[in-house]
Amino acid sequence: MISHFDHIVLTVANIDKAVSFYETVLKMEPITFANGRKAMRFGQQKINLQLLGQELRNHAMEGSGDLCLITSWSMAEVIDHLKNCKVTILEGPVSKSGALGPIQSVYFNDPDNNLIEVSVYEDELSNDEQETD
């Protein structure tokens, strides 16, 4: 019945700060939609951003999100980029179980304490990365 996600919604304290983080750290494209709302587009999906209390149907609080994002970058490139952006890696790289098989992941928080996991499928890792992780 379900084929894929279209979008998810994250509750944030500051829309501009969240847009800057997702654009800079995760290389997502900021877009504006419906009455000036903000979202971050990547691939064929997007993350809608809402201010705490903006959406009365959604009772999510800041920091309640937990996302796993798949990257086309190598894990070494991801780690170097996060370090250059001064993002604190909470854990990783570690082996986890993705929707399509084993993944290598790093974990960090966005400015609102949502947990972000950036992952590479293990069958896409280079031999060097598989030997060192």
N, C-alpha and C. Protein backbone atom coordinates (compact mmCIF):
# COMPACT_ATOMS: atom_id res chain seq x y z
N MET A 1 0.82 -1.19 0.00
CA MET A 1 0.00 0.00 0.00
C MET A 1 0.87 1.26 0.00
N ILE A 2 1.87 1.33 0.88
CA ILE A 2 2.72 2.53 0.99
C ILE A 2 3.99 2.31 0.18
N SER A 3 4.37 3.29 -0.64
CA SER A 3 5.57 3.13 -1.46
C SER A 3 6.77 3.93 -0.95
N HIS A 4 6.54 5.09 -0.30
CA HIS A 4 7.65 5.89 0.19
C HIS A 4 7.13 7.08 1.00
N PHE A 5 8.05 7.75 1.67
CA PHE A 5 7.71 8.99 2.36
C PHE A 5 7.64 10.11 1.35
N ASP A 6 6.70 11.02 1.53
CA ASP A 6 6.68 12.28 0.79
C ASP A 6 7.39 13.35 1.61
N HIS A 7 6.96 13.49 2.88
CA HIS A 7 7.60 14.45 3.77
C HIS A 7 7.39 14.02 5.21
N ILE A 8 8.22 14.57 6.07
CA ILE A 8 8.02 14.48 7.51
C ILE A 8 8.03 15.90 8.03
N VAL A 9 7.63 16.08 9.28
CA VAL A 9 7.59 17.40 9.89
C VAL A 9 8.43 17.39 11.15
N LEU A 10 9.30 18.38 11.30
CA LEU A 10 10.06 18.56 12.53
C LEU A 10 9.63 19.87 13.19
N THR A 11 9.44 19.81 14.49
CA THR A 11 9.11 20.99 15.27
C THR A 11 10.41 21.63 15.74
N VAL A 12 10.56 22.92 15.48
CA VAL A 12 11.80 23.63 15.80
C VAL A 12 11.50 24.93 16.55
N ALA A 13 12.51 25.44 17.25
CA ALA A 13 12.36 26.70 17.98
C ALA A 13 12.61 27.91 17.10
N ASN A 14 13.45 27.74 16.07
CA ASN A 14 13.82 28.86 15.22
C ASN A 14 13.94 28.36 13.78
N ILE A 15 13.03 28.77 12.93
CA ILE A 15 13.00 28.29 11.54
C ILE A 15 14.29 28.65 10.81
N ASP A 16 14.74 29.88 10.91
CA ASP A 16 15.95 30.30 10.19
C ASP A 16 17.18 29.51 10.61
N LYS A 17 17.32 29.26 11.90
CA LYS A 17 18.45 28.48 12.41
C LYS A 17 18.38 27.04 11.89
N ALA A 18 17.19 26.47 11.87
CA ALA A 18 17.02 25.10 11.36
C ALA A 18 17.33 25.04 9.86
N VAL A 19 16.84 26.01 9.09
CA VAL A 19 17.11 26.05 7.65
C VAL A 19 18.62 26.14 7.41
N SER A 20 19.29 27.00 8.12
CA SER A 20 20.73 27.15 7.96
C SER A 20 21.47 25.84 8.26
N PHE A 21 21.09 25.16 9.32
CA PHE A 21 21.72 23.89 9.69
C PHE A 21 21.53 22.83 8.60
N TYR A 22 20.29 22.63 8.19
CA TYR A 22 20.01 21.57 7.20
C TYR A 22 20.61 21.90 5.83
N GLU A 23 20.68 23.18 5.50
CA GLU A 23 21.29 23.59 4.23
C GLU A 23 22.81 23.42 4.28
N THR A 24 23.43 23.84 5.36
CA THR A 24 24.89 23.80 5.47
C THR A 24 25.41 22.41 5.79
N VAL A 25 24.87 21.79 6.81
CA VAL A 25 25.40 20.52 7.30
C VAL A 25 24.94 19.34 6.44
N LEU A 26 23.68 19.33 6.03
CA LEU A 26 23.15 18.18 5.29
C LEU A 26 22.93 18.46 3.80
N LYS A 27 23.30 19.66 3.35
CA LYS A 27 23.26 20.02 1.93
C LYS A 27 21.86 19.88 1.32
N MET A 28 20.83 20.14 2.13
CA MET A 28 19.46 20.11 1.63
C MET A 28 19.10 21.46 1.04
N GLU A 29 18.11 21.47 0.16
CA GLU A 29 17.67 22.69 -0.51
C GLU A 29 16.49 23.32 0.23
N PRO A 30 16.63 24.56 0.69
CA PRO A 30 15.49 25.22 1.35
C PRO A 30 14.43 25.62 0.32
N ILE A 31 13.18 25.37 0.65
CA ILE A 31 12.07 25.79 -0.21
C ILE A 31 11.00 26.45 0.65
N THR A 32 10.19 27.27 0.01
CA THR A 32 9.06 27.92 0.66
C THR A 32 7.79 27.40 0.02
N PHE A 33 6.78 27.11 0.83
CA PHE A 33 5.51 26.61 0.31
C PHE A 33 4.38 27.19 1.17
N ALA A 34 3.16 26.92 0.81
CA ALA A 34 1.92 27.28 1.52
C ALA A 34 2.07 28.34 2.60
N ASN A 35 1.72 29.56 2.26
CA ASN A 35 1.69 30.66 3.23
C ASN A 35 3.06 30.96 3.85
N GLY A 36 4.12 30.76 3.07
CA GLY A 36 5.45 31.11 3.54
C GLY A 36 6.12 30.09 4.45
N ARG A 37 5.55 28.89 4.57
CA ARG A 37 6.18 27.85 5.40
C ARG A 37 7.49 27.42 4.75
N LYS A 38 8.39 26.89 5.55
CA LYS A 38 9.71 26.46 5.09
C LYS A 38 9.84 24.95 5.15
N ALA A 39 10.61 24.43 4.18
CA ALA A 39 10.92 23.00 4.15
C ALA A 39 12.32 22.83 3.58
N MET A 40 12.86 21.66 3.79
CA MET A 40 14.17 21.31 3.27
C MET A 40 13.99 20.11 2.34
N ARG A 41 14.34 20.31 1.06
CA ARG A 41 14.14 19.25 0.06
C ARG A 41 15.45 18.52 -0.20
N PHE A 42 15.34 17.21 -0.37
CA PHE A 42 16.47 16.36 -0.77
C PHE A 42 15.89 15.19 -1.53
N GLY A 43 16.50 14.87 -2.68
CA GLY A 43 15.94 13.80 -3.51
C GLY A 43 14.49 14.09 -3.83
N GLN A 44 13.63 13.12 -3.58
CA GLN A 44 12.20 13.28 -3.84
C GLN A 44 11.40 13.41 -2.55
N GLN A 45 12.07 13.83 -1.49
CA GLN A 45 11.43 13.99 -0.19
C GLN A 45 11.68 15.40 0.33
N LYS A 46 10.98 15.73 1.42
CA LYS A 46 11.25 17.00 2.09
C LYS A 46 10.95 16.87 3.58
N ILE A 47 11.58 17.76 4.33
CA ILE A 47 11.31 17.90 5.75
C ILE A 47 10.65 19.26 5.93
N ASN A 48 9.38 19.26 6.35
CA ASN A 48 8.69 20.51 6.66
C ASN A 48 9.11 20.94 8.05
N LEU A 49 9.32 22.23 8.22
CA LEU A 49 9.70 22.78 9.51
C LEU A 49 8.53 23.57 10.08
N GLN A 50 8.20 23.31 11.35
CA GLN A 50 7.13 24.06 12.00
C GLN A 50 7.62 24.57 13.34
N LEU A 51 7.18 25.77 13.69
CA LEU A 51 7.49 26.31 15.00
C LEU A 51 6.66 25.61 16.06
N LEU A 52 7.23 25.45 17.22
CA LEU A 52 6.50 24.86 18.34
C LEU A 52 5.17 25.58 18.52
N GLY A 53 4.06 24.84 18.51
CA GLY A 53 2.73 25.42 18.67
C GLY A 53 2.08 25.90 17.39
N GLN A 54 2.80 25.85 16.26
CA GLN A 54 2.26 26.35 14.99
C GLN A 54 1.14 25.46 14.47
N GLU A 55 1.28 24.16 14.62
CA GLU A 55 0.30 23.21 14.08
C GLU A 55 -0.45 22.57 15.24
N LEU A 56 -1.71 22.88 15.36
CA LEU A 56 -2.49 22.42 16.51
C LEU A 56 -2.78 20.93 16.47
N ARG A 57 -2.74 20.30 15.29
CA ARG A 57 -2.99 18.85 15.20
C ARG A 57 -1.77 18.05 15.61
N ASN A 58 -0.58 18.66 15.56
CA ASN A 58 0.67 17.96 15.84
C ASN A 58 1.18 18.42 17.20
N HIS A 59 1.28 17.50 18.14
CA HIS A 59 1.70 17.85 19.49
C HIS A 59 3.17 17.55 19.75
N ALA A 60 3.96 17.40 18.67
CA ALA A 60 5.38 17.12 18.81
C ALA A 60 6.08 18.30 19.47
N MET A 61 7.06 17.98 20.26
CA MET A 61 7.88 19.00 20.92
C MET A 61 9.21 19.11 20.18
N GLU A 62 9.94 20.18 20.45
CA GLU A 62 11.28 20.31 19.89
C GLU A 62 12.11 19.11 20.34
N GLY A 63 12.94 18.63 19.43
CA GLY A 63 13.85 17.54 19.78
C GLY A 63 13.23 16.16 19.80
N SER A 64 11.98 16.02 19.37
CA SER A 64 11.33 14.70 19.40
C SER A 64 11.59 13.90 18.13
N GLY A 65 12.27 14.50 17.14
CA GLY A 65 12.55 13.80 15.89
C GLY A 65 13.77 12.90 15.99
N ASP A 66 13.74 11.83 15.23
CA ASP A 66 14.85 10.87 15.16
C ASP A 66 14.86 10.36 13.73
N LEU A 67 15.81 10.87 12.91
CA LEU A 67 15.82 10.58 11.48
C LEU A 67 17.05 9.78 11.09
N CYS A 68 16.87 8.85 10.17
CA CYS A 68 18.01 8.18 9.54
C CYS A 68 18.01 8.58 8.07
N LEU A 69 19.09 9.21 7.63
CA LEU A 69 19.23 9.70 6.27
C LEU A 69 20.35 8.94 5.58
N ILE A 70 20.10 8.47 4.38
CA ILE A 70 21.10 7.74 3.60
C ILE A 70 21.86 8.74 2.74
N THR A 71 23.18 8.62 2.71
CA THR A 71 24.02 9.52 1.93
C THR A 71 24.66 8.79 0.76
N SER A 72 24.97 9.56 -0.28
CA SER A 72 25.73 9.02 -1.41
C SER A 72 27.22 9.27 -1.19
N TRP A 73 27.58 10.00 -0.13
CA TRP A 73 28.98 10.27 0.20
C TRP A 73 29.57 9.06 0.92
N SER A 74 30.90 8.97 0.93
CA SER A 74 31.56 7.95 1.75
C SER A 74 31.44 8.36 3.21
N MET A 75 31.59 7.40 4.12
CA MET A 75 31.52 7.71 5.55
C MET A 75 32.65 8.67 5.93
N ALA A 76 33.83 8.50 5.34
CA ALA A 76 34.95 9.40 5.63
C ALA A 76 34.61 10.84 5.22
N GLU A 77 33.96 11.01 4.06
CA GLU A 77 33.55 12.35 3.62
C GLU A 77 32.53 12.96 4.58
N VAL A 78 31.59 12.14 5.03
CA VAL A 78 30.57 12.62 5.97
C VAL A 78 31.22 13.10 7.25
N ILE A 79 32.11 12.28 7.81
CA ILE A 79 32.77 12.64 9.07
C ILE A 79 33.60 13.90 8.91
N ASP A 80 34.37 14.00 7.84
CA ASP A 80 35.17 15.21 7.59
C ASP A 80 34.28 16.45 7.47
N HIS A 81 33.17 16.31 6.74
CA HIS A 81 32.26 17.44 6.56
C HIS A 81 31.64 17.86 7.90
N LEU A 82 31.21 16.89 8.71
CA LEU A 82 30.63 17.22 10.01
C LEU A 82 31.66 17.93 10.90
N LYS A 83 32.89 17.44 10.87
CA LYS A 83 33.95 18.10 11.66
C LYS A 83 34.18 19.52 11.17
N ASN A 84 34.21 19.72 9.85
CA ASN A 84 34.40 21.07 9.28
C ASN A 84 33.25 22.01 9.66
N CYS A 85 32.05 21.44 9.82
CA CYS A 85 30.88 22.24 10.22
C CYS A 85 30.78 22.38 11.74
N LYS A 86 31.77 21.83 12.45
CA LYS A 86 31.80 21.88 13.92
C LYS A 86 30.60 21.20 14.56
N VAL A 87 30.17 20.09 13.95
CA VAL A 87 29.08 19.28 14.48
C VAL A 87 29.68 18.19 15.35
N THR A 88 29.18 18.04 16.55
CA THR A 88 29.66 17.01 17.48
C THR A 88 29.01 15.67 17.12
N ILE A 89 29.83 14.68 16.82
CA ILE A 89 29.34 13.34 16.54
C ILE A 89 29.12 12.65 17.89
N LEU A 90 27.89 12.21 18.13
CA LEU A 90 27.54 11.56 19.39
C LEU A 90 27.96 10.10 19.42
N GLU A 91 27.91 9.45 18.25
CA GLU A 91 28.25 8.03 18.14
C GLU A 91 28.58 7.72 16.69
N GLY A 92 29.54 6.83 16.50
CA GLY A 92 29.80 6.33 15.18
C GLY A 92 31.18 6.66 14.66
N PRO A 93 31.48 6.01 13.53
CA PRO A 93 30.57 5.14 12.79
C PRO A 93 30.35 3.80 13.48
N VAL A 94 29.10 3.36 13.44
CA VAL A 94 28.69 2.09 14.03
C VAL A 94 27.83 1.33 13.04
N SER A 95 27.81 0.01 13.16
CA SER A 95 26.97 -0.83 12.31
C SER A 95 25.55 -0.85 12.87
N LYS A 96 24.59 -0.66 11.99
CA LYS A 96 23.17 -0.70 12.35
C LYS A 96 22.42 -1.46 11.27
N SER A 97 21.12 -1.58 11.44
CA SER A 97 20.28 -2.29 10.48
C SER A 97 19.38 -1.29 9.78
N GLY A 98 19.59 -1.10 8.46
CA GLY A 98 18.76 -0.20 7.67
C GLY A 98 17.59 -0.94 7.05
N ALA A 99 16.74 -0.22 6.37
CA ALA A 99 15.55 -0.82 5.74
C ALA A 99 15.92 -1.84 4.67
N LEU A 100 17.09 -1.65 4.02
CA LEU A 100 17.49 -2.54 2.93
C LEU A 100 18.72 -3.37 3.26
N GLY A 101 19.15 -3.36 4.53
CA GLY A 101 20.30 -4.15 4.92
C GLY A 101 21.20 -3.40 5.87
N PRO A 102 22.41 -3.96 6.13
CA PRO A 102 23.35 -3.36 7.09
C PRO A 102 23.84 -1.99 6.62
N ILE A 103 23.96 -1.07 7.58
CA ILE A 103 24.45 0.28 7.31
C ILE A 103 25.53 0.65 8.32
N GLN A 104 26.37 1.60 7.94
CA GLN A 104 27.30 2.26 8.85
C GLN A 104 26.73 3.64 9.10
N SER A 105 26.67 4.05 10.37
CA SER A 105 25.99 5.29 10.74
C SER A 105 26.81 6.15 11.68
N VAL A 106 26.60 7.46 11.57
CA VAL A 106 27.06 8.42 12.57
C VAL A 106 25.83 9.18 13.07
N TYR A 107 25.86 9.53 14.34
CA TYR A 107 24.74 10.21 14.99
C TYR A 107 25.17 11.57 15.51
N PHE A 108 24.27 12.56 15.38
CA PHE A 108 24.50 13.90 15.93
C PHE A 108 23.15 14.57 16.09
N ASN A 109 23.15 15.71 16.79
CA ASN A 109 21.90 16.45 17.00
C ASN A 109 21.85 17.68 16.12
N ASP A 110 20.64 18.06 15.71
CA ASP A 110 20.44 19.34 15.04
C ASP A 110 20.29 20.41 16.13
N PRO A 111 20.12 21.68 15.77
CA PRO A 111 20.04 22.74 16.80
C PRO A 111 18.88 22.57 17.79
N ASP A 112 17.87 21.78 17.44
CA ASP A 112 16.72 21.57 18.31
C ASP A 112 16.77 20.23 19.05
N ASN A 113 17.92 19.58 18.99
CA ASN A 113 18.16 18.28 19.64
C ASN A 113 17.43 17.11 18.99
N ASN A 114 16.96 17.29 17.75
CA ASN A 114 16.49 16.13 17.01
C ASN A 114 17.71 15.25 16.74
N LEU A 115 17.55 13.94 16.84
CA LEU A 115 18.66 13.03 16.59
C LEU A 115 18.74 12.73 15.11
N ILE A 116 19.89 13.01 14.51
CA ILE A 116 20.11 12.79 13.08
C ILE A 116 21.12 11.66 12.92
N GLU A 117 20.76 10.69 12.13
CA GLU A 117 21.65 9.57 11.79
C GLU A 117 21.92 9.65 10.30
N VAL A 118 23.18 9.74 9.91
CA VAL A 118 23.55 9.73 8.50
C VAL A 118 24.25 8.40 8.24
N SER A 119 23.80 7.70 7.22
CA SER A 119 24.23 6.31 7.01
C SER A 119 24.61 6.01 5.58
N VAL A 120 25.47 4.99 5.47
CA VAL A 120 25.89 4.44 4.18
C VAL A 120 25.60 2.93 4.25
N TYR A 121 24.96 2.39 3.21
CA TYR A 121 24.76 0.95 3.17
C TYR A 121 26.11 0.26 3.05
N GLU A 122 26.33 -0.79 3.85
CA GLU A 122 27.63 -1.44 3.92
C GLU A 122 28.09 -1.98 2.57
N ASP A 123 27.16 -2.41 1.71
CA ASP A 123 27.57 -2.92 0.41
C ASP A 123 28.06 -1.81 -0.52
N GLU A 124 27.87 -0.54 -0.10
CA GLU A 124 28.34 0.61 -0.89
C GLU A 124 29.63 1.21 -0.32
N LEU A 125 30.10 0.68 0.82
CA LEU A 125 31.35 1.17 1.41
C LEU A 125 32.53 0.70 0.58
N SER A 126 33.55 1.52 0.50
CA SER A 126 34.77 1.11 -0.17
C SER A 126 35.48 0.07 0.68
N ASN A 127 36.39 -0.69 0.09
CA ASN A 127 37.15 -1.69 0.83
C ASN A 127 37.91 -1.06 1.98
N ASP A 128 38.49 0.13 1.77
CA ASP A 128 39.23 0.80 2.83
C ASP A 128 38.33 1.12 4.02
N GLU A 129 37.12 1.60 3.76
CA GLU A 129 36.21 1.94 4.86
C GLU A 129 35.77 0.68 5.60
N GLN A 130 35.52 -0.42 4.89
CA GLN A 130 35.10 -1.66 5.53
C GLN A 130 36.21 -2.20 6.42
N GLU A 131 37.45 -2.05 6.02
CA GLU A 131 38.57 -2.59 6.79
C GLU A 131 38.87 -1.75 8.02
N THR A 132 38.59 -0.43 7.98
CA THR A 132 38.94 0.44 9.10
C THR A 132 37.81 0.62 10.10
N ASP A 133 36.60 0.32 9.75
CA ASP A 133 35.46 0.54 10.66
C ASP A 133 35.21 -0.65 11.55
